[in-house]
PDB file of N, CA and C in Angstrom:
ATOM      1  N   MET A   1     101.189  42.492 133.111  1.00  0.00           N
ATOM      2  CA  MET A   1     101.308  41.606 134.248  1.00  0.00           C
ATOM      3  C   MET A   1     102.652  40.877 134.167  1.00  0.00           C
ATOM      4  N   THR A   2     103.352  40.839 135.284  1.00  0.00           N
ATOM      5  CA  THR A   2     104.636  40.146 135.301  1.00  0.00           C
ATOM      6  C   THR A   2     104.416  38.637 135.324  1.00  0.00           C
ATOM      7  N   SER A   3     105.441  37.907 134.955  1.00  0.00           N
ATOM      8  CA  SER A   3     105.375  36.446 134.981  1.00  0.00           C
ATOM      9  C   SER A   3     105.118  35.941 136.394  1.00  0.00           C
ATOM     10  N   ALA A   4     105.756  36.558 137.369  1.00  0.00           N
ATOM     11  CA  ALA A   4     105.581  36.121 138.763  1.00  0.00           C
ATOM     12  C   ALA A   4     104.146  36.326 139.224  1.00  0.00           C
ATOM     13  N   ARG A   5     103.574  37.470 138.893  1.00  0.00           N
ATOM     14  CA  ARG A   5     102.180  37.719 139.273  1.00  0.00           C
ATOM     15  C   ARG A   5     101.254  36.714 138.593  1.00  0.00           C
ATOM     16  N   TRP A   6     101.500  36.485 137.316  1.00  0.00           N
ATOM     17  CA  TRP A   6     100.674  35.553 136.556  1.00  0.00           C
ATOM     18  C   TRP A   6     100.747  34.149 137.153  1.00  0.00           C
ATOM     19  N   GLN A   7     101.944  33.733 137.548  1.00  0.00           N
ATOM     20  CA  GLN A   7     102.113  32.402 138.128  1.00  0.00           C
ATOM     21  C   GLN A   7     101.351  32.257 139.447  1.00  0.00           C
ATOM     22  N   VAL A   8     101.432  33.260 140.304  1.00  0.00           N
ATOM     23  CA  VAL A   8     100.735  33.170 141.588  1.00  0.00           C
ATOM     24  C   VAL A   8      99.222  33.207 141.372  1.00  0.00           C
ATOM     25  N   LEU A   9      98.751  34.096 140.507  1.00  0.00           N
ATOM     26  CA  LEU A   9      97.318  34.112 140.205  1.00  0.00           C
ATOM     27  C   LEU A   9      96.894  32.779 139.587  1.00  0.00           C
ATOM     28  N   GLY A  10      97.742  32.230 138.732  1.00  0.00           N
ATOM     29  CA  GLY A  10      97.441  30.937 138.119  1.00  0.00           C
ATOM     30  C   GLY A  10      97.355  29.823 139.139  1.00  0.00           C
ATOM     31  N   ALA A  11      98.221  29.861 140.139  1.00  0.00           N
ATOM     32  CA  ALA A  11      98.167  28.845 141.196  1.00  0.00           C
ATOM     33  C   ALA A  11      96.858  28.951 141.967  1.00  0.00           C
ATOM     34  N   LEU A  12      96.405  30.172 142.205  1.00  0.00           N
ATOM     35  CA  LEU A  12      95.120  30.359 142.883  1.00  0.00           C
ATOM     36  C   LEU A  12      93.971  29.887 141.990  1.00  0.00           C
ATOM     37  N   ALA A  13      94.026  30.247 140.711  1.00  0.00           N
ATOM     38  CA  ALA A  13      92.957  29.864 139.782  1.00  0.00           C
ATOM     39  C   ALA A  13      92.903  28.353 139.605  1.00  0.00           C
ATOM     40  N   GLU A  14      94.066  27.731 139.491  1.00  0.00           N
ATOM     41  CA  GLU A  14      94.118  26.280 139.269  1.00  0.00           C
ATOM     42  C   GLU A  14      93.551  25.515 140.455  1.00  0.00           C
ATOM     43  N   HIS A  15      93.844  25.978 141.650  1.00  0.00           N
ATOM     44  CA  HIS A  15      93.351  25.278 142.836  1.00  0.00           C
ATOM     45  C   HIS A  15      91.869  25.519 143.042  1.00  0.00           C
ATOM     46  N   GLY A  16      91.416  26.690 142.648  1.00  0.00           N
ATOM     47  CA  GLY A  16      89.998  27.002 142.740  1.00  0.00           C
ATOM     48  C   GLY A  16      89.501  27.369 144.130  1.00  0.00           C
ATOM     49  N   ALA A  17      90.417  27.529 145.060  1.00  0.00           N
ATOM     50  CA  ALA A  17      90.052  27.899 146.435  1.00  0.00           C
ATOM     51  C   ALA A  17      91.193  28.724 147.012  1.00  0.00           C
ATOM     52  N   PRO A  18      90.925  29.509 148.035  1.00  0.00           N
ATOM     53  CA  PRO A  18      91.998  30.291 148.654  1.00  0.00           C
ATOM     54  C   PRO A  18      93.153  29.403 149.121  1.00  0.00           C
ATOM     55  N   ARG A  19      94.356  29.937 149.021  1.00  0.00           N
ATOM     56  CA  ARG A  19      95.574  29.223 149.409  1.00  0.00           C
ATOM     57  C   ARG A  19      96.468  30.152 150.216  1.00  0.00           C
ATOM     58  N   THR A  20      97.338  29.566 151.018  1.00  0.00           N
ATOM     59  CA  THR A  20      98.317  30.358 151.749  1.00  0.00           C
ATOM     60  C   THR A  20      99.548  30.575 150.881  1.00  0.00           C
ATOM     61  N   VAL A  21     100.346  31.543 151.265  1.00  0.00           N
ATOM     62  CA  VAL A  21     101.612  31.787 150.582  1.00  0.00           C
ATOM     63  C   VAL A  21     102.465  30.525 150.617  1.00  0.00           C
ATOM     64  N   SER A  22     102.530  29.873 151.772  1.00  0.00           N
ATOM     65  CA  SER A  22     103.351  28.665 151.898  1.00  0.00           C
ATOM     66  C   SER A  22     102.860  27.540 150.992  1.00  0.00           C
ATOM     67  N   GLN A  23     101.558  27.381 150.879  1.00  0.00           N
ATOM     68  CA  GLN A  23     101.016  26.333 150.009  1.00  0.00           C
ATOM     69  C   GLN A  23     101.389  26.592 148.553  1.00  0.00           C
ATOM     70  N   ILE A  24     101.283  27.828 148.127  1.00  0.00           N
ATOM     71  CA  ILE A  24     101.642  28.150 146.747  1.00  0.00           C
ATOM     72  C   ILE A  24     103.140  27.990 146.534  1.00  0.00           C
ATOM     73  N   ALA A  25     103.938  28.427 147.482  1.00  0.00           N
ATOM     74  CA  ALA A  25     105.391  28.293 147.362  1.00  0.00           C
ATOM     75  C   ALA A  25     105.782  26.827 147.217  1.00  0.00           C
ATOM     76  N   ARG A  26     105.218  25.964 148.049  1.00  0.00           N
ATOM     77  CA  ARG A  26     105.531  24.529 147.954  1.00  0.00           C
ATOM     78  C   ARG A  26     105.115  23.962 146.606  1.00  0.00           C
ATOM     79  N   ALA A  27     103.922  24.299 146.153  1.00  0.00           N
ATOM     80  CA  ALA A  27     103.410  23.770 144.887  1.00  0.00           C
ATOM     81  C   ALA A  27     104.252  24.222 143.697  1.00  0.00           C
ATOM     82  N   MET A  28     104.811  25.426 143.800  1.00  0.00           N
ATOM     83  CA  MET A  28     105.580  25.974 142.683  1.00  0.00           C
ATOM     84  C   MET A  28     107.084  25.744 142.825  1.00  0.00           C
ATOM     85  N   GLY A  29     107.520  25.192 143.940  1.00  0.00           N
ATOM     86  CA  GLY A  29     108.944  24.970 144.158  1.00  0.00           C
ATOM     87  C   GLY A  29     109.716  26.262 144.387  1.00  0.00           C
ATOM     88  N   LEU A  30     109.056  27.238 145.019  1.00  0.00           N
ATOM     89  CA  LEU A  30     109.676  28.534 145.290  1.00  0.00           C
ATOM     90  C   LEU A  30     109.799  28.752 146.791  1.00  0.00           C
ATOM     91  N   THR A  31     110.548  29.781 147.155  1.00  0.00           N
ATOM     92  CA  THR A  31     110.641  30.116 148.575  1.00  0.00           C
ATOM     93  C   THR A  31     109.388  30.858 149.001  1.00  0.00           C
ATOM     94  N   ARG A  32     109.048  30.719 150.261  1.00  0.00           N
ATOM     95  CA  ARG A  32     107.888  31.421 150.801  1.00  0.00           C
ATOM     96  C   ARG A  32     108.093  32.932 150.678  1.00  0.00           C
ATOM     97  N   GLN A  33     109.324  33.378 150.878  1.00  0.00           N
ATOM     98  CA  GLN A  33     109.611  34.808 150.837  1.00  0.00           C
ATOM     99  C   GLN A  33     109.363  35.388 149.439  1.00  0.00           C
ATOM    100  N   SER A  34     109.735  34.643 148.399  1.00  0.00           N
ATOM    101  CA  SER A  34     109.533  35.168 147.045  1.00  0.00           C
ATOM    102  C   SER A  34     108.046  35.245 146.712  1.00  0.00           C
ATOM    103  N   VAL A  35     107.277  34.252 147.132  1.00  0.00           N
ATOM    104  CA  VAL A  35     105.838  34.281 146.892  1.00  0.00           C
ATOM    105  C   VAL A  35     105.193  35.373 147.742  1.00  0.00           C
ATOM    106  N   GLN A  36     105.698  35.584 148.949  1.00  0.00           N
ATOM    107  CA  GLN A  36     105.150  36.643 149.809  1.00  0.00           C
ATOM    108  C   GLN A  36     105.334  38.006 149.167  1.00  0.00           C
ATOM    109  N   ARG A  37     106.497  38.234 148.562  1.00  0.00           N
ATOM    110  CA  ARG A  37     106.750  39.513 147.893  1.00  0.00           C
ATOM    111  C   ARG A  37     105.745  39.732 146.762  1.00  0.00           C
ATOM    112  N   VAL A  38     105.501  38.695 145.967  1.00  0.00           N
ATOM    113  CA  VAL A  38     104.542  38.803 144.867  1.00  0.00           C
ATOM    114  C   VAL A  38     103.129  38.995 145.420  1.00  0.00           C
ATOM    115  N   ALA A  39     102.797  38.265 146.479  1.00  0.00           N
ATOM    116  CA  ALA A  39     101.476  38.406 147.100  1.00  0.00           C
ATOM    117  C   ALA A  39     101.260  39.832 147.601  1.00  0.00           C
ATOM    118  N   ASP A  40     102.292  40.421 148.186  1.00  0.00           N
ATOM    119  CA  ASP A  40     102.187  41.813 148.644  1.00  0.00           C
ATOM    120  C   ASP A  40     101.922  42.750 147.464  1.00  0.00           C
ATOM    121  N   ASP A  41     102.606  42.507 146.342  1.00  0.00           N
ATOM    122  CA  ASP A  41     102.381  43.309 145.135  1.00  0.00           C
ATOM    123  C   ASP A  41     100.951  43.133 144.618  1.00  0.00           C
ATOM    124  N   LEU A  42     100.494  41.878 144.572  1.00  0.00           N
ATOM    125  CA  LEU A  42      99.143  41.599 144.090  1.00  0.00           C
ATOM    126  C   LEU A  42      98.095  42.256 144.978  1.00  0.00           C
ATOM    127  N   ARG A  43      98.329  42.199 146.268  1.00  0.00           N
ATOM    128  CA  ARG A  43      97.390  42.818 147.217  1.00  0.00           C
ATOM    129  C   ARG A  43      97.367  44.329 147.025  1.00  0.00           C
ATOM    130  N   GLY A  44      98.542  44.925 146.869  1.00  0.00           N
ATOM    131  CA  GLY A  44      98.631  46.360 146.649  1.00  0.00           C
ATOM    132  C   GLY A  44      97.936  46.800 145.366  1.00  0.00           C
ATOM    133  N   ALA A  45      97.930  45.917 144.376  1.00  0.00           N
ATOM    134  CA  ALA A  45      97.284  46.222 143.105  1.00  0.00           C
ATOM    135  C   ALA A  45      95.794  45.888 143.121  1.00  0.00           C
ATOM    136  N   GLY A  46      95.307  45.363 144.238  1.00  0.00           N
ATOM    137  CA  GLY A  46      93.897  45.029 144.337  1.00  0.00           C
ATOM    138  C   GLY A  46      93.500  43.748 143.618  1.00  0.00           C
ATOM    139  N   LEU A  47      94.483  42.884 143.332  1.00  0.00           N
ATOM    140  CA  LEU A  47      94.200  41.647 142.597  1.00  0.00           C
ATOM    141  C   LEU A  47      93.914  40.457 143.505  1.00  0.00           C
ATOM    142  N   ILE A  48      94.335  40.560 144.770  1.00  0.00           N
ATOM    143  CA  ILE A  48      94.004  39.534 145.759  1.00  0.00           C
ATOM    144  C   ILE A  48      93.581  40.208 147.056  1.00  0.00           C
ATOM    145  N   VAL A  49      92.896  39.449 147.877  1.00  0.00           N
ATOM    146  CA  VAL A  49      92.592  39.863 149.246  1.00  0.00           C
ATOM    147  C   VAL A  49      93.098  38.762 150.164  1.00  0.00           C
ATOM    148  N   LEU A  50      93.353  39.139 151.406  1.00  0.00           N
ATOM    149  CA  LEU A  50      93.767  38.169 152.410  1.00  0.00           C
ATOM    150  C   LEU A  50      92.576  37.856 153.297  1.00  0.00           C
ATOM    151  N   LEU A  51      92.374  36.571 153.539  1.00  0.00           N
ATOM    152  CA  LEU A  51      91.250  36.101 154.340  1.00  0.00           C
ATOM    153  C   LEU A  51      91.758  35.418 155.599  1.00  0.00           C
ATOM    154  N   THR A  52      90.948  35.391 156.620  1.00  0.00           N
ATOM    155  CA  THR A  52      91.282  34.676 157.840  1.00  0.00           C
ATOM    156  C   THR A  52      91.373  33.188 157.537  1.00  0.00           C
ATOM    157  N   ASN A  53      92.406  32.571 158.058  1.00  0.00           N
ATOM    158  CA  ASN A  53      92.622  31.138 157.868  1.00  0.00           C
ATOM    159  C   ASN A  53      92.163  30.421 159.139  1.00  0.00           C
ATOM    160  N   PRO A  54      91.112  29.622 159.069  1.00  0.00           N
ATOM    161  CA  PRO A  54      90.619  28.944 160.271  1.00  0.00           C
ATOM    162  C   PRO A  54      91.607  27.910 160.824  1.00  0.00           C
ATOM    163  N   ASP A  55      92.566  27.481 159.982  1.00  0.00           N
ATOM    164  CA  ASP A  55      93.533  26.474 160.415  1.00  0.00           C
ATOM    165  C   ASP A  55      94.812  27.068 160.996  1.00  0.00           C
ATOM    166  N   HIS A  56      95.054  28.364 160.751  1.00  0.00           N
ATOM    167  CA  HIS A  56      96.297  28.971 161.211  1.00  0.00           C
ATOM    168  C   HIS A  56      96.118  30.483 161.272  1.00  0.00           C
ATOM    169  N   ALA A  57      96.055  31.023 162.458  1.00  0.00           N
ATOM    170  CA  ALA A  57      95.727  32.440 162.646  1.00  0.00           C
ATOM    171  C   ALA A  57      96.717  33.383 161.975  1.00  0.00           C
ATOM    172  N   ARG A  58      98.000  33.021 161.925  1.00  0.00           N
ATOM    173  CA  ARG A  58      99.004  33.932 161.373  1.00  0.00           C
ATOM    174  C   ARG A  58      99.235  33.746 159.882  1.00  0.00           C
ATOM    175  N   SER A  59      98.721  32.672 159.304  1.00  0.00           N
ATOM    176  CA  SER A  59      98.923  32.388 157.893  1.00  0.00           C
ATOM    177  C   SER A  59      97.632  32.658 157.134  1.00  0.00           C
ATOM    178  N   LYS A  60      97.526  33.848 156.564  1.00  0.00           N
ATOM    179  CA  LYS A  60      96.306  34.256 155.867  1.00  0.00           C
ATOM    180  C   LYS A  60      96.132  33.463 154.571  1.00  0.00           C
ATOM    181  N   LEU A  61      94.890  33.366 154.145  1.00  0.00           N
ATOM    182  CA  LEU A  61      94.558  32.756 152.862  1.00  0.00           C
ATOM    183  C   LEU A  61      94.453  33.856 151.808  1.00  0.00           C
ATOM    184  N   MET A  62      94.979  33.586 150.635  1.00  0.00           N
ATOM    185  CA  MET A  62      94.876  34.527 149.527  1.00  0.00           C
ATOM    186  C   MET A  62      93.728  34.102 148.631  1.00  0.00           C
ATOM    187  N   SER A  63      92.980  35.088 148.170  1.00  0.00           N
ATOM    188  CA  SER A  63      91.884  34.833 147.245  1.00  0.00           C
ATOM    189  C   SER A  63      91.882  35.932 146.198  1.00  0.00           C
ATOM    190  N   MET A  64      91.620  35.563 144.945  1.00  0.00           N
ATOM    191  CA  MET A  64      91.562  36.563 143.884  1.00  0.00           C
ATOM    192  C   MET A  64      90.321  37.436 144.037  1.00  0.00           C
ATOM    193  N   THR A  65      90.502  38.711 143.792  1.00  0.00           N
ATOM    194  CA  THR A  65      89.376  39.638 143.718  1.00  0.00           C
ATOM    195  C   THR A  65      88.784  39.525 142.313  1.00  0.00           C
ATOM    196  N   PRO A  66      87.614  40.114 142.090  1.00  0.00           N
ATOM    197  CA  PRO A  66      87.103  40.161 140.713  1.00  0.00           C
ATOM    198  C   PRO A  66      88.103  40.808 139.748  1.00  0.00           C
ATOM    199  N   ALA A  67      88.804  41.848 140.202  1.00  0.00           N
ATOM    200  CA  ALA A  67      89.828  42.483 139.356  1.00  0.00           C
ATOM    201  C   ALA A  67      90.964  41.495 139.065  1.00  0.00           C
ATOM    202  N   GLY A  68      91.332  40.685 140.058  1.00  0.00           N
ATOM    203  CA  GLY A  68      92.363  39.673 139.853  1.00  0.00           C
ATOM    204  C   GLY A  68      91.915  38.606 138.867  1.00  0.00           C
ATOM    205  N   GLN A  69      90.670  38.189 138.972  1.00  0.00           N
ATOM    206  CA  GLN A  69      90.131  37.212 138.031  1.00  0.00           C
ATOM    207  C   GLN A  69      90.124  37.782 136.615  1.00  0.00           C
ATOM    208  N   ASP A  70      89.727  39.042 136.482  1.00  0.00           N
ATOM    209  CA  ASP A  70      89.721  39.687 135.167  1.00  0.00           C
ATOM    210  C   ASP A  70      91.139  39.805 134.600  1.00  0.00           C
ATOM    211  N   ALA A  71      92.085  40.203 135.438  1.00  0.00           N
ATOM    212  CA  ALA A  71      93.471  40.352 134.989  1.00  0.00           C
ATOM    213  C   ALA A  71      94.048  39.010 134.562  1.00  0.00           C
ATOM    214  N   TYR A  72      93.749  37.967 135.312  1.00  0.00           N
ATOM    215  CA  TYR A  72      94.242  36.634 134.959  1.00  0.00           C
ATOM    216  C   TYR A  72      93.615  36.161 133.647  1.00  0.00           C
ATOM    217  N   ALA A  73      92.314  36.361 133.483  1.00  0.00           N
ATOM    218  CA  ALA A  73      91.631  35.971 132.246  1.00  0.00           C
ATOM    219  C   ALA A  73      92.209  36.727 131.049  1.00  0.00           C
ATOM    220  N   GLU A  74      92.501  38.004 131.240  1.00  0.00           N
ATOM    221  CA  GLU A  74      93.088  38.801 130.168  1.00  0.00           C
ATOM    222  C   GLU A  74      94.482  38.297 129.806  1.00  0.00           C
ATOM    223  N   ALA A  75      95.268  37.916 130.796  1.00  0.00           N
ATOM    224  CA  ALA A  75      96.600  37.363 130.525  1.00  0.00           C
ATOM    225  C   ALA A  75      96.488  36.067 129.725  1.00  0.00           C
ATOM    226  N   LEU A  76      95.549  35.220 130.084  1.00  0.00           N
ATOM    227  CA  LEU A  76      95.341  33.982 129.328  1.00  0.00           C
ATOM    228  C   LEU A  76      94.909  34.284 127.892  1.00  0.00           C
ATOM    229  N   ARG A  77      94.025  35.263 127.738  1.00  0.00           N
ATOM    230  CA  ARG A  77      93.555  35.633 126.402  1.00  0.00           C
ATOM    231  C   ARG A  77      94.714  36.122 125.538  1.00  0.00           C
ATOM    232  N   ARG A  78      95.598  36.900 126.113  1.00  0.00           N
ATOM    233  CA  ARG A  78      96.742  37.417 125.365  1.00  0.00           C
ATOM    234  C   ARG A  78      97.787  36.340 125.097  1.00  0.00           C
ATOM    235  N   GLN A  79      97.861  35.354 125.982  1.00  0.00           N
ATOM    236  CA  GLN A  79      98.864  34.308 125.819  1.00  0.00           C
ATOM    237  C   GLN A  79      98.533  33.369 124.672  1.00  0.00           C
ATOM    238  N   ALA A  80      97.266  33.126 124.419  1.00  0.00           N
ATOM    239  CA  ALA A  80      96.855  32.137 123.418  1.00  0.00           C
ATOM    240  C   ALA A  80      97.483  32.385 122.047  1.00  0.00           C
ATOM    241  N   PRO A  81      97.401  33.592 121.467  1.00  0.00           N
ATOM    242  CA  PRO A  81      98.027  33.782 120.156  1.00  0.00           C
ATOM    243  C   PRO A  81      99.548  33.709 120.205  1.00  0.00           C
ATOM    244  N   TRP A  82     100.119  34.116 121.324  1.00  0.00           N
ATOM    245  CA  TRP A  82     101.577  34.043 121.481  1.00  0.00           C
ATOM    246  C   TRP A  82     102.039  32.587 121.448  1.00  0.00           C
ATOM    247  N   VAL A  83     101.340  31.731 122.190  1.00  0.00           N
ATOM    248  CA  VAL A  83     101.674  30.304 122.212  1.00  0.00           C
ATOM    249  C   VAL A  83     101.452  29.682 120.837  1.00  0.00           C
ATOM    250  N   ALA A  84     100.360  30.059 120.191  1.00  0.00           N
ATOM    251  CA  ALA A  84     100.085  29.540 118.848  1.00  0.00           C
ATOM    252  C   ALA A  84     101.202  29.919 117.891  1.00  0.00           C
ATOM    253  N   GLY A  85     101.708  31.134 118.008  1.00  0.00           N
ATOM    254  CA  GLY A  85     102.820  31.555 117.165  1.00  0.00           C
ATOM    255  C   GLY A  85     104.084  30.765 117.435  1.00  0.00           C
ATOM    256  N   LEU A  86     104.354  30.490 118.696  1.00  0.00           N
ATOM    257  CA  LEU A  86     105.530  29.692 119.045  1.00  0.00           C
ATOM    258  C   LEU A  86     105.436  28.275 118.495  1.00  0.00           C
ATOM    259  N   ALA A  87     104.233  27.730 118.517  1.00  0.00           N
ATOM    260  CA  ALA A  87     104.037  26.336 118.103  1.00  0.00           C
ATOM    261  C   ALA A  87     103.811  26.185 116.602  1.00  0.00           C
ATOM    262  N   ALA A  88     103.670  27.287 115.884  1.00  0.00           N
ATOM    263  CA  ALA A  88     103.389  27.212 114.448  1.00  0.00           C
ATOM    264  C   ALA A  88     104.442  26.371 113.734  1.00  0.00           C
ATOM    265  N   GLY A  89     103.973  25.421 112.951  1.00  0.00           N
ATOM    266  CA  GLY A  89     104.863  24.580 112.153  1.00  0.00           C
ATOM    267  C   GLY A  89     105.471  23.410 112.894  1.00  0.00           C
ATOM    268  N   LEU A  90     105.214  23.283 114.189  1.00  0.00           N
ATOM    269  CA  LEU A  90     105.747  22.145 114.950  1.00  0.00           C
ATOM    270  C   LEU A  90     104.722  21.011 114.928  1.00  0.00           C
ATOM    271  N   SER A  91     105.199  19.823 114.669  1.00  0.00           N
ATOM    272  CA  SER A  91     104.312  18.668 114.682  1.00  0.00           C
ATOM    273  C   SER A  91     104.174  18.146 116.111  1.00  0.00           C
ATOM    274  N   ALA A  92     103.199  17.295 116.316  1.00  0.00           N
ATOM    275  CA  ALA A  92     103.025  16.664 117.629  1.00  0.00           C
ATOM    276  C   ALA A  92     104.278  15.881 118.000  1.00  0.00           C
ATOM    277  N   GLN A  93     104.920  15.273 117.019  1.00  0.00           N
ATOM    278  CA  GLN A  93     106.151  14.519 117.277  1.00  0.00           C
ATOM    279  C   GLN A  93     107.278  15.455 117.715  1.00  0.00           C
ATOM    280  N   ASP A  94     107.354  16.643 117.093  1.00  0.00           N
ATOM    281  CA  ASP A  94     108.366  17.627 117.496  1.00  0.00           C
ATOM    282  C   ASP A  94     108.175  18.031 118.958  1.00  0.00           C
ATOM    283  N   VAL A  95     106.933  18.308 119.316  1.00  0.00           N
ATOM    284  CA  VAL A  95     106.629  18.726 120.684  1.00  0.00           C
ATOM    285  C   VAL A  95     106.929  17.594 121.662  1.00  0.00           C
ATOM    286  N   ALA A  96     106.555  16.359 121.312  1.00  0.00           N
ATOM    287  CA  ALA A  96     106.826  15.209 122.179  1.00  0.00           C
ATOM    288  C   ALA A  96     108.332  15.022 122.376  1.00  0.00           C
ATOM    289  N   ALA A  97     109.115  15.187 121.311  1.00  0.00           N
ATOM    290  CA  ALA A  97     110.573  15.048 121.413  1.00  0.00           C
ATOM    291  C   ALA A  97     111.152  16.142 122.312  1.00  0.00           C
ATOM    292  N   ALA A  98     110.644  17.371 122.162  1.00  0.00           N
ATOM    293  CA  ALA A  98     111.128  18.469 123.006  1.00  0.00           C
ATOM    294  C   ALA A  98     110.819  18.207 124.468  1.00  0.00           C
ATOM    295  N   ILE A  99     109.632  17.695 124.737  1.00  0.00           N
ATOM    296  CA  ILE A  99     109.256  17.381 126.126  1.00  0.00           C
ATOM    297  C   ILE A  99     110.175  16.308 126.690  1.00  0.00           C
ATOM    298  N   ARG A 100     110.465  15.283 125.901  1.00  0.00           N
ATOM    299  CA  ARG A 100     111.369  14.217 126.379  1.00  0.00           C
ATOM    300  C   ARG A 100     112.749  14.778 126.695  1.00  0.00           C
ATOM    301  N   VAL A 101     113.293  15.592 125.797  1.00  0.00           N
ATOM    302  CA  VAL A 101     114.628  16.152 126.001  1.00  0.00           C
ATOM    303  C   VAL A 101     114.654  17.068 127.220  1.00  0.00           C
ATOM    304  N   LEU A 102     113.686  17.959 127.324  1.00  0.00           N
ATOM    305  CA  LEU A 102     113.658  18.883 128.457  1.00  0.00           C
ATOM    306  C   LEU A 102     113.436  18.147 129.774  1.00  0.00           C
ATOM    307  N   SER A 103     112.630  17.111 129.769  1.00  0.00           N
ATOM    308  CA  SER A 103     112.419  16.322 130.985  1.00  0.00           C
ATOM    309  C   SER A 103     113.697  15.613 131.406  1.00  0.00           C
ATOM    310  N   THR A 104     114.423  15.086 130.441  1.00  0.00           N
ATOM    311  CA  THR A 104     115.690  14.418 130.743  1.00  0.00           C
ATOM    312  C   THR A 104     116.697  15.404 131.325  1.00  0.00           C
ATOM    313  N   VAL A 105     116.820  16.565 130.687  1.00  0.00           N
ATOM    314  CA  VAL A 105     117.761  17.579 131.177  1.00  0.00           C
ATOM    315  C   VAL A 105     117.352  18.056 132.575  1.00  0.00           C
ATOM    316  N   ALA A 106     116.061  18.292 132.788  1.00  0.00           N
ATOM    317  CA  ALA A 106     115.600  18.736 134.108  1.00  0.00           C
ATOM    318  C   ALA A 106     115.893  17.681 135.165  1.00  0.00           C
ATOM    319  N   GLY A 107     115.672  16.424 134.824  1.00  0.00           N
ATOM    320  CA  GLY A 107     115.979  15.337 135.761  1.00  0.00           C
ATOM    321  C   GLY A 107     117.449  15.294 136.108  1.00  0.00           C
ATOM    322  N   ARG A 108     118.292  15.520 135.111  1.00  0.00           N
ATOM    323  CA  ARG A 108     119.736  15.533 135.372  1.00  0.00           C
ATOM    324  C   ARG A 108     120.139  16.726 136.233  1.00  0.00           C
ATOM    325  N   LEU A 109     119.500  17.852 136.011  1.00  0.00           N
ATOM    326  CA  LEU A 109     119.802  19.028 136.833  1.00  0.00           C
ATOM    327  C   LEU A 109     119.378  18.824 138.279  1.00  0.00           C
ATOM    328  N   ASP A 110     118.291  18.094 138.474  1.00  0.00           N
ATOM    329  CA  ASP A 110     117.800  17.811 139.830  1.00  0.00           C
ATOM    330  C   ASP A 110     118.613  16.728 140.524  1.00  0.00           C
ATOM    331  N   ALA A 111     119.297  15.908 139.742  1.00  0.00           N
ATOM    332  CA  ALA A 111     120.044  14.776 140.297  1.00  0.00           C
ATOM    333  C   ALA A 111     121.326  15.245 140.973  1.00  0.00           C
ATOM    334  N   ASP A 112     121.898  14.359 141.707  1.00  0.00           N
ATOM    335  CA  ASP A 112     123.210  14.591 142.322  1.00  0.00           C
ATOM    336  C   ASP A 112     124.237  14.736 141.196  1.00  0.00           C
ATOM    337  N   PRO A 113     124.984  15.858 141.147  1.00  0.00           N
ATOM    338  CA  PRO A 113     125.953  16.067 140.061  1.00  0.00           C
ATOM    339  C   PRO A 113     126.998  14.963 139.991  1.00  0.00           C
ATOM    340  N   SER A 114     127.271  14.305 141.078  1.00  0.00           N
ATOM    341  CA  SER A 114     128.284  13.253 141.040  1.00  0.00           C
ATOM    342  C   SER A 114     127.819  12.025 140.266  1.00  0.00           C
ATOM    343  N   THR A 115     126.514  11.939 139.958  1.00  0.00           N
ATOM    344  CA  THR A 115     126.017  10.798 139.190  1.00  0.00           C
ATOM    345  C   THR A 115     126.047  11.056 137.677  1.00  0.00           C
ATOM    346  N   LEU A 116     126.395  12.281 137.279  1.00  0.00           N
ATOM    347  CA  LEU A 116     126.449  12.591 135.858  1.00  0.00           C
ATOM    348  C   LEU A 116     127.716  11.983 135.259  1.00  0.00           C
ATOM    349  N   PRO A 117     127.644  11.617 133.973  1.00  0.00           N
ATOM    350  CA  PRO A 117     128.832  11.054 133.315  1.00  0.00           C
ATOM    351  C   PRO A 117     129.976  12.055 133.304  1.00  0.00           C
ATOM    352  N   GLU A 118     131.187  11.541 133.427  1.00  0.00           N
ATOM    353  CA  GLU A 118     132.387  12.391 133.386  1.00  0.00           C
ATOM    354  C   GLU A 118     132.615  12.869 131.947  1.00  0.00           C
ATOM    355  N   GLN A 119     133.125  14.069 131.813  1.00  0.00           N
ATOM    356  CA  GLN A 119     133.436  14.609 130.477  1.00  0.00           C
ATOM    357  C   GLN A 119     134.916  14.752 130.314  1.00  0.00           C
TER     358      GLN A 119
END
């Protein structure tokens, strides 16, 4: 399973109800077109189905099929030992420090570049 497929399936699983491509794109900070491409792939693979949206006739709702639920569960199962391996030997303080640093850098990347200190 690709990272993009896993992310879209994860967005559906996390919400626990069918979602539109636009809703997932907004939640993930992606373009609607990129999520649509992944949704088309997922649909072709039988991992999602499109449902009628009572709120918007042209914007279908995506829902995981049983095969999609199984594929997502399998991806989570495989991820657990990988994550454990990455975190091996790191203390809670190490992880907290990494989160602080990455959050600071992400905030600076999101900020107006003209507000960054001159080098």
